[in-house]
N, C-alpha and C. Protein backbone atom coordinates (compact mmCIF):
# COMPACT_ATOMS: atom_id res chain seq x y z
N MET A 1 115.65 105.54 102.22
CA MET A 1 114.86 104.39 102.60
C MET A 1 115.76 103.20 102.93
N ALA A 2 116.94 103.14 102.31
CA ALA A 2 117.86 102.04 102.57
C ALA A 2 118.30 102.01 104.02
N SER A 3 118.53 103.19 104.62
CA SER A 3 118.95 103.22 106.02
C SER A 3 117.83 102.74 106.94
N LEU A 4 116.57 103.00 106.57
CA LEU A 4 115.43 102.52 107.35
C LEU A 4 115.36 101.00 107.27
N LYS A 5 115.55 100.44 106.08
CA LYS A 5 115.53 98.98 105.93
C LYS A 5 116.65 98.34 106.75
N THR A 6 117.83 98.93 106.71
CA THR A 6 118.96 98.41 107.49
C THR A 6 118.64 98.45 108.97
N ALA A 7 118.07 99.57 109.44
CA ALA A 7 117.72 99.70 110.86
C ALA A 7 116.67 98.67 111.27
N LEU A 8 115.69 98.42 110.41
CA LEU A 8 114.66 97.42 110.72
C LEU A 8 115.25 96.03 110.79
N HIS A 9 116.17 95.71 109.89
CA HIS A 9 116.82 94.40 109.94
C HIS A 9 117.61 94.25 111.23
N GLN A 10 118.30 95.30 111.66
CA GLN A 10 119.05 95.25 112.91
C GLN A 10 118.12 95.11 114.10
N LEU A 11 117.04 95.87 114.12
CA LEU A 11 116.07 95.82 115.21
C LEU A 11 115.46 94.43 115.35
N CYS A 12 115.13 93.83 114.23
CA CYS A 12 114.44 92.54 114.24
C CYS A 12 115.37 91.34 114.30
N SER A 13 116.67 91.54 114.16
CA SER A 13 117.62 90.43 114.07
C SER A 13 117.62 89.53 115.30
N GLU A 14 117.31 90.08 116.47
CA GLU A 14 117.28 89.24 117.67
C GLU A 14 116.13 88.25 117.65
N PHE A 15 115.15 88.45 116.78
CA PHE A 15 113.99 87.56 116.69
C PHE A 15 114.10 86.57 115.54
N GLY A 16 115.01 86.81 114.61
CA GLY A 16 115.17 85.95 113.44
C GLY A 16 115.40 86.79 112.21
N ARG A 17 115.28 86.16 111.05
CA ARG A 17 115.54 86.83 109.78
C ARG A 17 114.24 87.30 109.14
N ILE A 18 114.23 88.54 108.68
CA ILE A 18 113.09 89.06 107.94
C ILE A 18 113.11 88.44 106.55
N THR A 19 111.98 87.86 106.13
CA THR A 19 111.92 87.26 104.80
C THR A 19 111.18 88.17 103.81
N ARG A 20 110.38 89.10 104.32
CA ARG A 20 109.69 90.05 103.45
C ARG A 20 109.53 91.36 104.20
N LEU A 21 109.77 92.47 103.51
CA LEU A 21 109.62 93.79 104.11
C LEU A 21 109.09 94.75 103.06
N ASP A 22 107.94 95.33 103.35
CA ASP A 22 107.36 96.37 102.49
C ASP A 22 107.16 97.60 103.35
N ILE A 23 107.48 98.76 102.79
CA ILE A 23 107.36 100.01 103.53
C ILE A 23 106.52 100.98 102.71
N LEU A 24 105.48 101.50 103.32
CA LEU A 24 104.62 102.51 102.72
C LEU A 24 104.88 103.81 103.45
N THR A 25 105.25 104.87 102.73
CA THR A 25 105.43 106.16 103.39
C THR A 25 104.14 106.95 103.25
N ALA A 26 103.81 107.71 104.28
CA ALA A 26 102.56 108.46 104.29
C ALA A 26 102.73 109.72 105.13
N MET A 27 101.82 110.65 104.92
CA MET A 27 101.76 111.87 105.74
C MET A 27 100.56 111.74 106.67
N HIS A 28 100.76 112.03 107.95
CA HIS A 28 99.67 112.01 108.91
C HIS A 28 99.84 113.18 109.85
N GLU A 29 98.89 114.11 109.81
CA GLU A 29 98.91 115.30 110.66
C GLU A 29 100.24 116.03 110.59
N GLY A 30 100.77 116.19 109.36
CA GLY A 30 102.00 116.93 109.15
C GLY A 30 103.27 116.17 109.45
N THR A 31 103.17 114.90 109.79
CA THR A 31 104.35 114.09 110.10
C THR A 31 104.50 113.01 109.04
N LYS A 32 105.71 112.88 108.51
CA LYS A 32 105.98 111.81 107.57
C LYS A 32 106.16 110.51 108.35
N GLN A 33 105.49 109.45 107.90
CA GLN A 33 105.54 108.18 108.60
C GLN A 33 105.91 107.07 107.63
N ALA A 34 106.45 106.01 108.20
CA ALA A 34 106.72 104.78 107.45
C ALA A 34 105.86 103.68 108.06
N ILE A 35 105.00 103.10 107.23
CA ILE A 35 104.16 101.98 107.67
C ILE A 35 104.87 100.72 107.18
N CYS A 36 105.32 99.90 108.12
CA CYS A 36 106.16 98.76 107.81
C CYS A 36 105.38 97.46 107.94
N PHE A 37 105.42 96.64 106.89
CA PHE A 37 104.80 95.33 106.87
C PHE A 37 105.93 94.32 106.72
N LEU A 38 106.00 93.34 107.62
CA LEU A 38 107.09 92.39 107.50
C LEU A 38 106.66 90.98 107.87
N ARG A 39 107.45 90.03 107.38
CA ARG A 39 107.28 88.62 107.70
C ARG A 39 108.63 88.09 108.14
N MET A 40 108.60 87.23 109.15
CA MET A 40 109.80 86.55 109.63
C MET A 40 109.78 85.13 109.09
N GLU A 41 110.87 84.39 109.32
CA GLU A 41 110.96 83.01 108.83
C GLU A 41 109.91 82.09 109.47
N ARG A 42 109.65 82.29 110.77
CA ARG A 42 108.72 81.38 111.47
C ARG A 42 107.70 82.18 112.27
N PRO A 43 106.48 81.65 112.38
CA PRO A 43 105.41 82.35 113.12
C PRO A 43 105.78 82.65 114.57
N GLU A 44 106.53 81.75 115.22
CA GLU A 44 106.90 82.01 116.62
C GLU A 44 107.85 83.20 116.74
N GLN A 45 108.66 83.45 115.70
CA GLN A 45 109.52 84.63 115.70
C GLN A 45 108.67 85.89 115.60
N GLU A 46 107.64 85.84 114.76
CA GLU A 46 106.73 86.98 114.62
C GLU A 46 106.00 87.25 115.93
N GLN A 47 105.55 86.18 116.59
CA GLN A 47 104.84 86.34 117.87
C GLN A 47 105.73 87.01 118.91
N GLN A 48 106.99 86.58 119.00
CA GLN A 48 107.92 87.17 119.97
C GLN A 48 108.20 88.63 119.64
N LEU A 49 108.39 88.94 118.36
CA LEU A 49 108.62 90.32 117.93
C LEU A 49 107.43 91.19 118.30
N MET A 50 106.21 90.72 118.01
CA MET A 50 105.01 91.49 118.30
C MET A 50 104.86 91.73 119.81
N LYS A 51 105.11 90.71 120.59
CA LYS A 51 105.00 90.83 122.05
C LYS A 51 106.03 91.80 122.61
N THR A 52 107.27 91.67 122.15
CA THR A 52 108.36 92.51 122.67
C THR A 52 108.21 93.97 122.25
N LEU A 53 107.86 94.20 120.97
CA LEU A 53 107.77 95.57 120.47
C LEU A 53 106.38 96.19 120.64
N GLY A 54 105.41 95.38 121.03
CA GLY A 54 104.06 95.89 121.21
C GLY A 54 103.40 96.30 119.90
N VAL A 55 103.62 95.50 118.86
CA VAL A 55 103.03 95.78 117.56
C VAL A 55 102.05 94.67 117.20
N GLY A 56 101.27 94.87 116.14
CA GLY A 56 100.24 93.92 115.78
C GLY A 56 100.40 93.33 114.40
N ARG A 57 99.31 92.76 113.95
CA ARG A 57 99.29 92.07 112.66
C ARG A 57 98.14 92.64 111.83
N PHE A 58 98.36 92.75 110.53
CA PHE A 58 97.32 93.19 109.60
C PHE A 58 97.49 92.40 108.32
N GLY A 59 96.44 91.76 107.87
CA GLY A 59 96.51 91.00 106.62
C GLY A 59 97.55 89.90 106.64
N GLY A 60 97.81 89.31 107.79
CA GLY A 60 98.78 88.23 107.91
C GLY A 60 100.21 88.68 108.12
N GLU A 61 100.46 89.97 108.06
CA GLU A 61 101.82 90.47 108.24
C GLU A 61 101.93 91.29 109.52
N VAL A 62 103.12 91.27 110.11
CA VAL A 62 103.40 92.13 111.24
C VAL A 62 103.44 93.56 110.70
N VAL A 63 102.79 94.50 111.40
CA VAL A 63 102.74 95.87 110.92
C VAL A 63 102.98 96.84 112.07
N PHE A 64 103.73 97.89 111.77
CA PHE A 64 103.91 98.97 112.73
C PHE A 64 104.23 100.25 111.98
N VAL A 65 104.02 101.37 112.67
CA VAL A 65 104.20 102.70 112.08
C VAL A 65 105.34 103.41 112.79
N LEU A 66 106.23 104.00 112.01
CA LEU A 66 107.34 104.78 112.54
C LEU A 66 107.21 106.22 112.07
N ASN A 67 107.36 107.17 112.98
CA ASN A 67 107.43 108.57 112.58
C ASN A 67 108.84 108.85 112.08
N LEU A 68 108.92 109.47 110.93
CA LEU A 68 110.22 109.82 110.34
C LEU A 68 110.51 111.28 110.63
N ASN A 69 111.71 111.57 111.04
CA ASN A 69 112.09 112.94 111.36
C ASN A 69 112.53 113.66 110.11
N VAL A 70 111.57 113.87 109.21
CA VAL A 70 111.83 114.53 107.94
C VAL A 70 110.99 115.80 107.90
N PRO A 71 111.61 116.96 107.69
CA PRO A 71 110.82 118.18 107.62
C PRO A 71 109.82 118.13 106.46
N VAL A 72 108.65 118.60 106.69
CA VAL A 72 107.59 118.61 105.69
C VAL A 72 107.35 120.04 105.24
N THR A 73 107.32 120.24 103.91
CA THR A 73 107.06 121.58 103.39
C THR A 73 105.68 121.61 102.78
N THR A 74 105.06 122.78 102.80
CA THR A 74 103.72 122.92 102.24
C THR A 74 103.77 123.02 100.72
N GLU A 75 104.96 123.22 100.13
CA GLU A 75 105.08 123.32 98.68
C GLU A 75 105.09 121.96 97.99
N ASP A 76 105.14 120.88 98.72
CA ASP A 76 105.22 119.55 98.12
C ASP A 76 103.86 119.12 97.59
N PRO A 77 103.66 119.12 96.27
CA PRO A 77 102.36 118.76 95.70
C PRO A 77 102.20 117.26 95.46
N GLY A 78 103.20 116.45 95.84
CA GLY A 78 103.18 115.03 95.55
C GLY A 78 102.14 114.26 96.34
N PRO A 79 102.03 112.98 96.06
CA PRO A 79 101.05 112.15 96.74
C PRO A 79 101.38 112.03 98.22
N SER A 80 100.36 111.72 99.02
CA SER A 80 100.57 111.61 100.46
C SER A 80 101.14 110.26 100.85
N SER A 81 101.15 109.29 99.95
CA SER A 81 101.75 108.00 100.26
C SER A 81 102.27 107.35 98.99
N GLN A 82 103.23 106.43 99.18
CA GLN A 82 103.78 105.70 98.04
C GLN A 82 104.43 104.43 98.56
N TRP A 83 104.47 103.40 97.74
CA TRP A 83 105.15 102.16 98.12
C TRP A 83 106.63 102.31 97.87
N ALA A 84 107.42 101.84 98.81
CA ALA A 84 108.86 101.80 98.63
C ALA A 84 109.22 100.45 98.03
N ASP A 85 110.24 100.42 97.19
CA ASP A 85 110.68 99.16 96.61
C ASP A 85 111.29 98.27 97.66
N SER A 86 111.06 96.99 97.55
CA SER A 86 111.65 96.02 98.45
C SER A 86 112.25 94.89 97.63
N ASN A 87 113.49 94.57 97.91
CA ASN A 87 114.18 93.48 97.20
C ASN A 87 114.47 92.33 98.14
N LEU A 88 113.58 92.06 99.08
CA LEU A 88 113.86 91.09 100.12
C LEU A 88 113.04 89.82 99.96
N TYR A 89 112.74 89.42 98.73
CA TYR A 89 111.97 88.21 98.50
C TYR A 89 112.91 87.05 98.33
N ASP A 90 113.26 86.42 99.45
CA ASP A 90 114.21 85.29 99.42
C ASP A 90 113.49 83.99 99.15
C-alpha cells in the first residue's frame, strides 16, 4: 500500500500537496480495487485535479477508483474491503 500512496503523491504533486489520503481496498467483479479519497491544500487545486484526471467528489473529498493488478484467488475467505492506514494528517 505504501507504493500506491507514493504513486498518488507523485501523480497529484503537479496540482499541490495532498493533506489527507484514505484508501479503501475492495473486490469488484474479481478485480482488486483501491478507492482513493483525498484532500488537497486548496479547493482550486482539487478542482484542477478533478478536471485534469476526470474524477469527482464524494462527501467533500476527491474520489477515484484504481484497479490493482493483484491476482485474486478463490481461497481467500477474508473481507471484500478494508480501510488502509493513513498517516497523512498534517
